[in-house]
C-alpha cells in the first residue's frame, strides 16, 4: 500500500495540483479544506506526511500545526508547510503563541512558499517519504 499524503488547503486548485504531484510521485493523496477537517483526516487516515497551508477558514494551519506537534499520537508526522506566508512570519506566530502560554513546538520539517514549482514540491515530498 502506498504512503498517504494529507493535503490541507482551502484553495481547491492548490489541492488539485498538489494531489497530482503526490500521485505522480507514487503516493496516495488525501485532501482537507481547512485545519478542522485536516485534524479529523489525520485521525481517520493516519497520513505519512501532511502538506499544510497557513491561512484557512475554520482552523488555521498555525493552530493545526500546533495541535499536531503537541499531541504525542501525531507529533512524529512530518509537516511540509506550503503557503503564501513567509517562513519568518510563520515562525514569529509560533513564538508569540508560545509566549502567551501555549507549549513550545519545533519548526516544521519543511517549508515552501507559494507559488511553488511542481518539481520542487515533488522533491520535498520524496525527501520525507522515499
Protein backbone atom coordinates (compact mmCIF):
# COMPACT_ATOMS: atom_id res chain seq x y z
CA UNK A 1 0.00 0.00 0.00
CA UNK A 2 1.37 3.43 -0.92
CA UNK A 3 2.08 6.07 1.68
CA UNK A 4 -0.57 8.73 2.28
CA UNK A 5 -0.06 12.47 1.99
CA UNK A 6 -2.69 14.70 3.59
CA UNK A 7 -3.07 18.00 1.71
CA UNK A 8 -4.72 20.70 3.82
CA UNK A 9 -5.51 23.88 1.87
CA UNK A 10 -8.66 25.95 1.39
CA UNK A 11 -7.86 26.58 -2.29
CA UNK A 12 -9.27 23.72 -4.41
CA UNK A 13 -6.82 24.49 -7.24
CA UNK A 14 -3.83 24.16 -4.90
CA UNK A 15 -5.24 20.88 -3.54
CA UNK A 16 -5.73 19.56 -7.09
CA UNK A 17 -2.21 20.49 -8.24
CA UNK A 18 -0.62 19.16 -5.03
CA UNK A 19 -2.63 15.93 -5.29
CA UNK A 20 -1.36 15.48 -8.85
CA UNK A 21 2.25 15.92 -7.68
CA UNK A 22 1.64 13.44 -4.85
CA UNK A 23 0.20 10.87 -7.28
CA UNK A 24 2.97 11.46 -9.83
CA UNK A 25 5.46 10.55 -7.10
CA UNK A 26 3.67 7.29 -6.30
CA UNK A 27 1.80 8.27 -3.14
CA UNK A 28 -1.87 8.49 -2.21
CA UNK A 29 -3.31 11.98 -1.73
CA UNK A 30 -5.94 12.70 0.92
CA UNK A 31 -7.50 16.17 0.94
CA UNK A 32 -8.95 18.56 3.52
CA UNK A 33 -10.22 22.13 3.01
CA UNK A 34 -9.29 23.56 6.42
CA UNK A 35 -7.50 22.78 9.67
CA UNK A 36 -10.59 21.43 11.37
CA UNK A 37 -11.21 18.94 8.56
CA UNK A 38 -7.47 18.28 8.40
CA UNK A 39 -7.29 17.20 12.05
CA UNK A 40 -10.20 14.83 11.52
CA UNK A 41 -8.43 13.33 8.48
CA UNK A 42 -5.18 12.92 10.44
CA UNK A 43 -7.12 10.85 12.98
CA UNK A 44 -9.01 8.76 10.41
CA UNK A 45 -6.40 8.38 7.64
CA UNK A 46 -3.11 8.37 9.62
CA UNK A 47 -1.06 10.07 6.87
CA UNK A 48 2.68 9.64 6.46
CA UNK A 49 3.11 13.35 5.61
CA UNK A 50 0.97 16.49 5.94
CA UNK A 51 1.25 19.31 3.38
CA UNK A 52 -0.26 22.28 5.20
CA UNK A 53 -1.31 25.81 4.29
CA UNK A 54 -1.29 28.57 6.94
CA UNK A 55 -4.24 30.85 6.15
CA UNK A 56 -7.53 28.92 6.10
CA UNK A 57 -11.06 29.30 7.48
CA UNK A 58 -12.41 27.36 10.49
CA UNK A 59 -8.97 26.46 11.81
CA UNK A 60 -5.74 27.93 10.52
CA UNK A 61 -2.63 25.99 9.66
CA UNK A 62 -0.94 27.72 12.60
CA UNK A 63 -3.35 26.05 15.02
CA UNK A 64 -3.39 22.71 13.21
CA UNK A 65 0.41 22.62 13.24
CA UNK A 66 0.45 23.29 16.99
CA UNK A 67 -2.25 20.68 17.63
CA UNK A 68 -0.27 18.02 15.77
CA UNK A 69 3.12 18.87 17.26
CA UNK A 70 1.81 18.91 20.86
CA UNK A 71 -0.08 15.61 20.56
CA UNK A 72 2.05 12.54 21.29
CA UNK A 73 -0.01 10.45 18.82
CA UNK A 74 0.72 12.78 15.90
CA UNK A 75 3.87 14.76 16.69
CA UNK A 76 6.10 12.44 14.64
CA UNK A 77 4.17 13.01 11.39
CA UNK A 78 6.36 15.28 9.24
CA UNK A 79 4.74 18.53 8.17
CA UNK A 80 5.61 20.36 4.98
CA UNK A 81 4.24 23.89 5.07
CA UNK A 82 3.10 25.04 1.62
CA UNK A 83 1.89 28.60 1.95
CA UNK A 84 1.95 32.17 0.73
CA UNK A 85 3.09 33.30 4.20
CA UNK A 86 6.81 33.95 4.57
CA UNK A 87 8.62 31.43 6.77
CA UNK A 88 9.77 34.10 9.22
CA UNK A 89 6.18 35.32 9.73
CA UNK A 90 5.02 31.76 10.46
CA UNK A 91 7.86 31.18 12.94
CA UNK A 92 7.13 34.51 14.61
CA UNK A 93 3.46 33.49 15.04
CA UNK A 94 4.56 30.27 16.75
CA UNK A 95 6.85 32.22 19.08
CA UNK A 96 4.04 34.63 20.03
CA UNK A 97 1.66 31.75 20.82
CA UNK A 98 4.34 30.14 22.99
CA UNK A 99 4.83 33.43 24.85
CA UNK A 100 1.09 33.53 25.56
CA UNK A 101 1.20 30.19 27.34
CA UNK A 102 0.97 27.60 24.59
CA UNK A 103 3.53 24.79 24.51
CA UNK A 104 6.70 25.37 22.53
CA UNK A 105 6.76 23.48 19.25
CA UNK A 106 9.59 22.61 16.86
CA UNK A 107 9.90 24.23 13.46
CA UNK A 108 8.13 22.46 10.60
CA UNK A 109 10.18 19.75 8.93
CA UNK A 110 9.82 21.56 5.59
CA UNK A 111 8.66 24.96 4.36
CA UNK A 112 7.85 26.00 0.79
CA UNK A 113 6.38 29.34 -0.23
CA UNK A 114 3.69 29.58 -2.93
CA UNK A 115 3.83 29.59 -5.82
CA UNK A 116 5.99 26.50 -5.85
CA UNK A 117 7.40 24.64 -8.82
CA UNK A 118 5.83 21.15 -9.03
CA UNK A 119 9.29 19.57 -9.34
CA UNK A 120 10.43 21.32 -6.15
CA UNK A 121 7.29 20.15 -4.36
CA UNK A 122 7.79 16.59 -5.62
CA UNK A 123 11.40 16.61 -4.43
CA UNK A 124 10.34 17.81 -0.98
CA UNK A 125 7.67 15.08 -0.73
CA UNK A 126 10.19 12.44 -1.83
CA UNK A 127 12.66 13.68 0.79
CA UNK A 128 10.17 12.80 3.54
CA UNK A 129 8.71 9.61 2.13
CA UNK A 130 11.34 7.88 0.00
